[in-house]
Amino acid sequence: MDHYLDIRLLPDADFTAPVLLNALYAKLHRVLSAQQRCDIGVSFPGYSTGSQQDDKHTPPGLGQTLRLHGSAAALDSLMASHWASGFADYALIGNIRPVPATTQAIRVQRRQAKSNPARERARLMRRRNMDAAEAYRRIPDSKARRLSLPFLTLDSSSTGQRFLLFIDQHAAAQPASGTFNSYGLSSSATLPSW
């Protein structure tokens, strides 16, 4: 991951930054999936988990920049497909640049909340051959959990259902290599951040 490319969203009167980022990320996911790429990672330089200060709540957010990471050849190949051409009016697509010499390692990965107790109970009943009453005792409705992480709203290409893709971006102890999925995320590989 020695090169990167930033795509910075522009202010728009009709669409908010999160709406534009959702659309941009969905297009990126489609091209990464179609090309079966595992050599492109993504990060969000404006990533924030939110804060609470003086009765003001700042919600978590991904910011207005999508950063693509990879080798110069991988990024050049990805961008040659013109997957982001429809965003010319909504974003500034930067040039492929070398990563600065001084960086820290970050990990950008998906987090899934166990937010549907009924689904968790059904899974428990299947796996443990348990009756509904015992499953409910172990997983009551009050166990529903919401993550306080920034997310993207996407539509599943396989089921057509809308889902939330929660993003956890945090510092890593040391750099690690690995592959990335069709969302540009990895549970093992790290990316440079500055």
C-alpha atoms as a PDB file:
ATOM      1  CA  MET A   1       0.000   0.000   0.000  1.00  0.00           C
ATOM      2  CA  ASP A   2       2.562   2.519  -1.106  1.00  0.00           C
ATOM      3  CA  HIS A   3       0.196   4.820  -3.040  1.00  0.00           C
ATOM      4  CA  TYR A   4      -3.157   6.467  -2.450  1.00  0.00           C
ATOM      5  CA  LEU A   5      -5.816   8.527  -4.163  1.00  0.00           C
ATOM      6  CA  ASP A   6      -8.297  10.851  -2.429  1.00  0.00           C
ATOM      7  CA  ILE A   7     -11.840  11.471  -3.605  1.00  0.00           C
ATOM      8  CA  ARG A   8     -13.173  14.538  -1.807  1.00  0.00           C
ATOM      9  CA  LEU A   9     -16.887  15.299  -1.880  1.00  0.00           C
ATOM     10  CA  LEU A  10     -17.917  18.816  -2.835  1.00  0.00           C
ATOM     11  CA  PRO A  11     -20.688  20.710  -1.029  1.00  0.00           C
ATOM     12  CA  ASP A  12     -23.988  20.252  -2.843  1.00  0.00           C
ATOM     13  CA  ALA A  13     -27.332  22.000  -2.416  1.00  0.00           C
ATOM     14  CA  ASP A  14     -29.367  18.894  -3.266  1.00  0.00           C
ATOM     15  CA  PHE A  15     -27.443  16.058  -1.586  1.00  0.00           C
ATOM     16  CA  THR A  16     -25.815  15.789   1.822  1.00  0.00           C
ATOM     17  CA  ALA A  17     -22.266  14.465   2.156  1.00  0.00           C
ATOM     18  CA  PRO A  18     -23.446  11.145   3.672  1.00  0.00           C
ATOM     19  CA  VAL A  19     -25.853  10.555   0.755  1.00  0.00           C
ATOM     20  CA  LEU A  20     -23.087  11.235  -1.772  1.00  0.00           C
ATOM     21  CA  LEU A  21     -20.615   9.070   0.149  1.00  0.00           C
ATOM     22  CA  ASN A  22     -23.136   6.195   0.221  1.00  0.00           C
ATOM     23  CA  ALA A  23     -23.550   6.410  -3.555  1.00  0.00           C
ATOM     24  CA  LEU A  24     -19.817   6.736  -4.214  1.00  0.00           C
ATOM     25  CA  TYR A  25     -18.992   3.807  -1.942  1.00  0.00           C
ATOM     26  CA  ALA A  26     -21.706   1.641  -3.536  1.00  0.00           C
ATOM     27  CA  LYS A  27     -20.154   2.277  -6.961  1.00  0.00           C
ATOM     28  CA  LEU A  28     -16.702   1.452  -5.589  1.00  0.00           C
ATOM     29  CA  HIS A  29     -18.000  -1.790  -4.085  1.00  0.00           C
ATOM     30  CA  ARG A  30     -19.569  -2.797  -7.401  1.00  0.00           C
ATOM     31  CA  VAL A  31     -16.341  -2.263  -9.358  1.00  0.00           C
ATOM     32  CA  LEU A  32     -14.156  -3.977  -6.735  1.00  0.00           C
ATOM     33  CA  SER A  33     -16.551  -6.914  -6.772  1.00  0.00           C
ATOM     34  CA  ALA A  34     -16.806  -7.075 -10.574  1.00  0.00           C
ATOM     35  CA  GLN A  35     -13.023  -6.933 -10.967  1.00  0.00           C
ATOM     36  CA  GLN A  36     -12.538  -9.347  -8.042  1.00  0.00           C
ATOM     37  CA  ARG A  37      -9.942  -7.060  -6.507  1.00  0.00           C
ATOM     38  CA  CYS A  38      -8.329  -7.790  -3.159  1.00  0.00           C
ATOM     39  CA  ASP A  39      -5.495  -5.266  -3.499  1.00  0.00           C
ATOM     40  CA  ILE A  40      -7.403  -2.013  -2.870  1.00  0.00           C
ATOM     41  CA  GLY A  41      -8.079  -0.744   0.650  1.00  0.00           C
ATOM     42  CA  VAL A  42     -10.155   2.238   1.764  1.00  0.00           C
ATOM     43  CA  SER A  43      -9.928   4.673   4.648  1.00  0.00           C
ATOM     44  CA  PHE A  44     -11.741   7.803   5.710  1.00  0.00           C
ATOM     45  CA  PRO A  45      -9.454  10.733   6.689  1.00  0.00           C
ATOM     46  CA  GLY A  46     -12.417  12.580   8.265  1.00  0.00           C
ATOM     47  CA  TYR A  47     -13.473   9.574  10.385  1.00  0.00           C
ATOM     48  CA  SER A  48     -14.984  10.463  13.759  1.00  0.00           C
ATOM     49  CA  THR A  49     -16.718   8.375  16.412  1.00  0.00           C
ATOM     50  CA  GLY A  50     -18.596  11.479  17.580  1.00  0.00           C
ATOM     51  CA  SER A  51     -18.375  13.351  20.857  1.00  0.00           C
ATOM     52  CA  GLN A  52     -20.402  14.872  23.653  1.00  0.00           C
ATOM     53  CA  GLN A  53     -19.250  18.298  24.822  1.00  0.00           C
ATOM     54  CA  ASP A  54     -21.161  21.006  26.660  1.00  0.00           C
ATOM     55  CA  ASP A  55     -24.625  19.615  25.803  1.00  0.00           C
ATOM     56  CA  LYS A  56     -23.614  19.363  22.143  1.00  0.00           C
ATOM     57  CA  HIS A  57     -23.639  15.939  20.569  1.00  0.00           C
ATOM     58  CA  THR A  58     -21.571  15.400  17.455  1.00  0.00           C
ATOM     59  CA  PRO A  59     -22.713  12.212  15.729  1.00  0.00           C
ATOM     60  CA  PRO A  60     -20.214   9.711  14.371  1.00  0.00           C
ATOM     61  CA  GLY A  61     -19.233  10.316  10.755  1.00  0.00           C
ATOM     62  CA  LEU A  62     -16.966   9.227   7.946  1.00  0.00           C
ATOM     63  CA  GLY A  63     -16.115  12.714   6.748  1.00  0.00           C
ATOM     64  CA  GLN A  64     -16.118  13.940   3.175  1.00  0.00           C
ATOM     65  CA  THR A  65     -13.092  12.138   1.767  1.00  0.00           C
ATOM     66  CA  LEU A  66     -12.782   8.548   0.587  1.00  0.00           C
ATOM     67  CA  ARG A  67      -9.130   7.496   0.377  1.00  0.00           C
ATOM     68  CA  LEU A  68      -8.181   4.549  -1.820  1.00  0.00           C
ATOM     69  CA  HIS A  69      -4.950   2.674  -1.011  1.00  0.00           C
ATOM     70  CA  GLY A  70      -2.924   0.295  -3.173  1.00  0.00           C
ATOM     71  CA  SER A  71       0.038   0.071  -5.459  1.00  0.00           C
ATOM     72  CA  ALA A  72       0.307   2.697  -8.199  1.00  0.00           C
ATOM     73  CA  ALA A  73      -0.486   0.012 -10.790  1.00  0.00           C
ATOM     74  CA  ALA A  74      -3.540  -1.276  -8.883  1.00  0.00           C
ATOM     75  CA  LEU A  75      -4.976   2.215  -8.402  1.00  0.00           C
ATOM     76  CA  ASP A  76      -4.259   3.140 -12.016  1.00  0.00           C
ATOM     77  CA  SER A  77      -6.005  -0.022 -13.216  1.00  0.00           C
ATOM     78  CA  LEU A  78      -9.024   0.652 -10.983  1.00  0.00           C
ATOM     79  CA  MET A  79      -9.366   4.261 -12.103  1.00  0.00           C
ATOM     80  CA  ALA A  80      -8.930   3.305 -15.781  1.00  0.00           C
ATOM     81  CA  SER A  81     -12.373   1.681 -15.582  1.00  0.00           C
ATOM     82  CA  HIS A  82     -13.882   5.192 -15.045  1.00  0.00           C
ATOM     83  CA  TRP A  83     -16.117   3.851 -12.260  1.00  0.00           C
ATOM     84  CA  ALA A  84     -16.309   7.304 -10.618  1.00  0.00           C
ATOM     85  CA  SER A  85     -16.986   9.310 -13.782  1.00  0.00           C
ATOM     86  CA  GLY A  86     -20.584  10.026 -12.729  1.00  0.00           C
ATOM     87  CA  PHE A  87     -19.272  11.950  -9.724  1.00  0.00           C
ATOM     88  CA  ALA A  88     -17.487  14.681 -11.669  1.00  0.00           C
ATOM     89  CA  ASP A  89     -20.011  17.279 -10.425  1.00  0.00           C
ATOM     90  CA  TYR A  90     -19.994  16.004  -6.839  1.00  0.00           C
ATOM     91  CA  ALA A  91     -16.369  15.203  -6.037  1.00  0.00           C
ATOM     92  CA  LEU A  92     -12.777  16.111  -6.713  1.00  0.00           C
ATOM     93  CA  ILE A  93     -10.889  13.015  -7.767  1.00  0.00           C
ATOM     94  CA  GLY A  94      -7.237  13.462  -6.883  1.00  0.00           C
ATOM     95  CA  ASN A  95      -4.147  12.059  -8.516  1.00  0.00           C
ATOM     96  CA  ILE A  96      -2.401   8.873  -7.496  1.00  0.00           C
ATOM     97  CA  ARG A  97       0.341   9.864  -5.072  1.00  0.00           C
ATOM     98  CA  PRO A  98       3.005   8.075  -3.036  1.00  0.00           C
ATOM     99  CA  VAL A  99       2.230   7.618   0.651  1.00  0.00           C
ATOM    100  CA  PRO A 100       4.186  10.099   2.827  1.00  0.00           C
ATOM    101  CA  ALA A 101       7.286   8.752   4.569  1.00  0.00           C
ATOM    102  CA  THR A 102       5.894   9.284   8.083  1.00  0.00           C
ATOM    103  CA  THR A 103       2.640   7.459   8.724  1.00  0.00           C
ATOM    104  CA  GLN A 104       0.931   5.391  11.366  1.00  0.00           C
ATOM    105  CA  ALA A 105      -0.815   2.091  10.783  1.00  0.00           C
ATOM    106  CA  ILE A 106      -4.602   1.940  10.965  1.00  0.00           C
ATOM    107  CA  ARG A 107      -7.067  -0.884  10.566  1.00  0.00           C
ATOM    108  CA  VAL A 108     -10.346  -0.235   8.753  1.00  0.00           C
ATOM    109  CA  GLN A 109     -12.879  -3.013   9.174  1.00  0.00           C
ATOM    110  CA  ARG A 110     -16.560  -3.815   9.291  1.00  0.00           C
ATOM    111  CA  ARG A 111     -18.311  -4.208  12.628  1.00  0.00           C
ATOM    112  CA  GLN A 112     -21.620  -5.994  12.886  1.00  0.00           C
ATOM    113  CA  ALA A 113     -23.987  -5.402  15.780  1.00  0.00           C
ATOM    114  CA  LYS A 114     -26.085  -8.167  17.214  1.00  0.00           C
ATOM    115  CA  SER A 115     -29.053  -5.832  16.988  1.00  0.00           C
ATOM    116  CA  ASN A 116     -31.802  -8.332  16.202  1.00  0.00           C
ATOM    117  CA  PRO A 117     -32.533 -10.495  19.266  1.00  0.00           C
ATOM    118  CA  ALA A 118     -35.118 -12.591  17.371  1.00  0.00           C
ATOM    119  CA  ARG A 119     -32.515 -13.550  14.777  1.00  0.00           C
ATOM    120  CA  GLU A 120     -29.978 -14.357  17.498  1.00  0.00           C
ATOM    121  CA  ARG A 121     -32.529 -16.527  19.334  1.00  0.00           C
ATOM    122  CA  ALA A 122     -33.377 -18.447  16.151  1.00  0.00           C
ATOM    123  CA  ARG A 123     -29.690 -19.045  15.550  1.00  0.00           C
ATOM    124  CA  LEU A 124     -29.205 -20.226  19.143  1.00  0.00           C
ATOM    125  CA  MET A 125     -32.183 -22.603  18.843  1.00  0.00           C
ATOM    126  CA  ARG A 126     -30.777 -24.095  15.625  1.00  0.00           C
ATOM    127  CA  ARG A 127     -27.254 -24.520  16.941  1.00  0.00           C
ATOM    128  CA  ARG A 128     -28.079 -25.782  20.419  1.00  0.00           C
ATOM    129  CA  ASN A 129     -31.372 -27.588  19.743  1.00  0.00           C
ATOM    130  CA  MET A 130     -33.005 -25.307  22.298  1.00  0.00           C
ATOM    131  CA  ASP A 131     -36.666 -24.390  22.769  1.00  0.00           C
ATOM    132  CA  ALA A 132     -37.942 -20.840  22.276  1.00  0.00           C
ATOM    133  CA  ALA A 133     -38.502 -20.155  25.991  1.00  0.00           C
ATOM    134  CA  GLU A 134     -34.910 -21.007  26.919  1.00  0.00           C
ATOM    135  CA  ALA A 135     -33.552 -19.006  23.987  1.00  0.00           C
ATOM    136  CA  TYR A 136     -35.655 -16.004  25.067  1.00  0.00           C
ATOM    137  CA  ARG A 137     -34.373 -16.354  28.634  1.00  0.00           C
ATOM    138  CA  ARG A 138     -30.786 -16.257  27.354  1.00  0.00           C
ATOM    139  CA  ILE A 139     -31.346 -13.507  24.771  1.00  0.00           C
ATOM    140  CA  PRO A 140     -34.171 -11.169  25.845  1.00  0.00           C
ATOM    141  CA  ASP A 141     -35.277  -8.280  23.652  1.00  0.00           C
ATOM    142  CA  SER A 142     -33.342  -5.934  25.946  1.00  0.00           C
ATOM    143  CA  LYS A 143     -30.083  -7.448  24.583  1.00  0.00           C
ATOM    144  CA  ALA A 144     -30.482  -5.531  21.315  1.00  0.00           C
ATOM    145  CA  ARG A 145     -27.314  -3.573  20.734  1.00  0.00           C
ATOM    146  CA  ARG A 146     -26.672  -0.512  18.628  1.00  0.00           C
ATOM    147  CA  LEU A 147     -23.187   0.415  17.571  1.00  0.00           C
ATOM    148  CA  SER A 148     -22.053   3.995  17.987  1.00  0.00           C
ATOM    149  CA  LEU A 149     -19.818   3.855  14.931  1.00  0.00           C
ATOM    150  CA  PRO A 150     -20.146   5.714  11.641  1.00  0.00           C
ATOM    151  CA  PHE A 151     -21.841   3.758   8.890  1.00  0.00           C
ATOM    152  CA  LEU A 152     -22.746   3.670   5.229  1.00  0.00           C
ATOM    153  CA  THR A 153     -26.217   2.759   4.016  1.00  0.00           C
ATOM    154  CA  LEU A 154     -26.003   0.292   1.155  1.00  0.00           C
ATOM    155  CA  ASP A 155     -28.274  -2.011  -0.830  1.00  0.00           C
ATOM    156  CA  SER A 156     -27.306  -5.655  -1.029  1.00  0.00           C
ATOM    157  CA  SER A 157     -26.756  -6.749  -4.617  1.00  0.00           C
ATOM    158  CA  SER A 158     -27.708 -10.326  -3.751  1.00  0.00           C
ATOM    159  CA  THR A 159     -30.876  -9.755  -1.672  1.00  0.00           C
ATOM    160  CA  GLY A 160     -31.794  -6.193  -2.614  1.00  0.00           C
ATOM    161  CA  GLN A 161     -32.213  -5.342   1.070  1.00  0.00           C
ATOM    162  CA  ARG A 162     -30.861  -2.148   2.565  1.00  0.00           C
ATOM    163  CA  PHE A 163     -28.286  -2.568   5.330  1.00  0.00           C
ATOM    164  CA  LEU A 164     -25.925  -0.520   7.454  1.00  0.00           C
ATOM    165  CA  LEU A 165     -22.202  -1.116   6.992  1.00  0.00           C
ATOM    166  CA  PHE A 166     -20.623   0.021  10.275  1.00  0.00           C
ATOM    167  CA  ILE A 167     -16.992   1.117   9.881  1.00  0.00           C
ATOM    168  CA  ASP A 168     -14.420   0.783  12.664  1.00  0.00           C
ATOM    169  CA  GLN A 169     -11.227   2.702  11.858  1.00  0.00           C
ATOM    170  CA  HIS A 170      -8.610   2.655  14.589  1.00  0.00           C
ATOM    171  CA  ALA A 171      -4.861   2.754  15.171  1.00  0.00           C
ATOM    172  CA  ALA A 172      -3.022  -0.547  14.859  1.00  0.00           C
ATOM    173  CA  ALA A 173       0.002  -1.535  16.926  1.00  0.00           C
ATOM    174  CA  GLN A 174       2.091  -2.238  13.836  1.00  0.00           C
ATOM    175  CA  PRO A 175       1.699  -2.500  10.068  1.00  0.00           C
ATOM    176  CA  ALA A 176       0.391  -5.802   8.708  1.00  0.00           C
ATOM    177  CA  SER A 177      -0.103  -6.979   5.157  1.00  0.00           C
ATOM    178  CA  GLY A 178      -3.112  -8.867   3.895  1.00  0.00           C
ATOM    179  CA  THR A 179      -5.975  -8.769   1.457  1.00  0.00           C
ATOM    180  CA  PHE A 180      -9.072  -6.623   1.253  1.00  0.00           C
ATOM    181  CA  ASN A 181     -12.661  -7.610   0.513  1.00  0.00           C
ATOM    182  CA  SER A 182     -14.925  -6.080  -2.120  1.00  0.00           C
ATOM    183  CA  TYR A 183     -15.700  -3.237   0.314  1.00  0.00           C
ATOM    184  CA  GLY A 184     -11.989  -2.352   0.560  1.00  0.00           C
ATOM    185  CA  LEU A 185     -11.963  -3.496   4.201  1.00  0.00           C
ATOM    186  CA  SER A 186      -9.808  -6.069   6.000  1.00  0.00           C
ATOM    187  CA  SER A 187      -9.821  -7.628   9.456  1.00  0.00           C
ATOM    188  CA  SER A 188      -6.064  -8.253   9.289  1.00  0.00           C
ATOM    189  CA  ALA A 189      -4.345  -5.812   6.915  1.00  0.00           C
ATOM    190  CA  THR A 190      -3.491  -2.274   7.921  1.00  0.00           C
ATOM    191  CA  LEU A 191      -3.308   0.945   5.930  1.00  0.00           C
ATOM    192  CA  PRO A 192      -1.086   4.011   6.321  1.00  0.00           C
ATOM    193  CA  SER A 193      -2.618   7.123   7.868  1.00  0.00           C
ATOM    194  CA  TRP A 194      -1.287  10.637   8.295  1.00  0.00           C
END
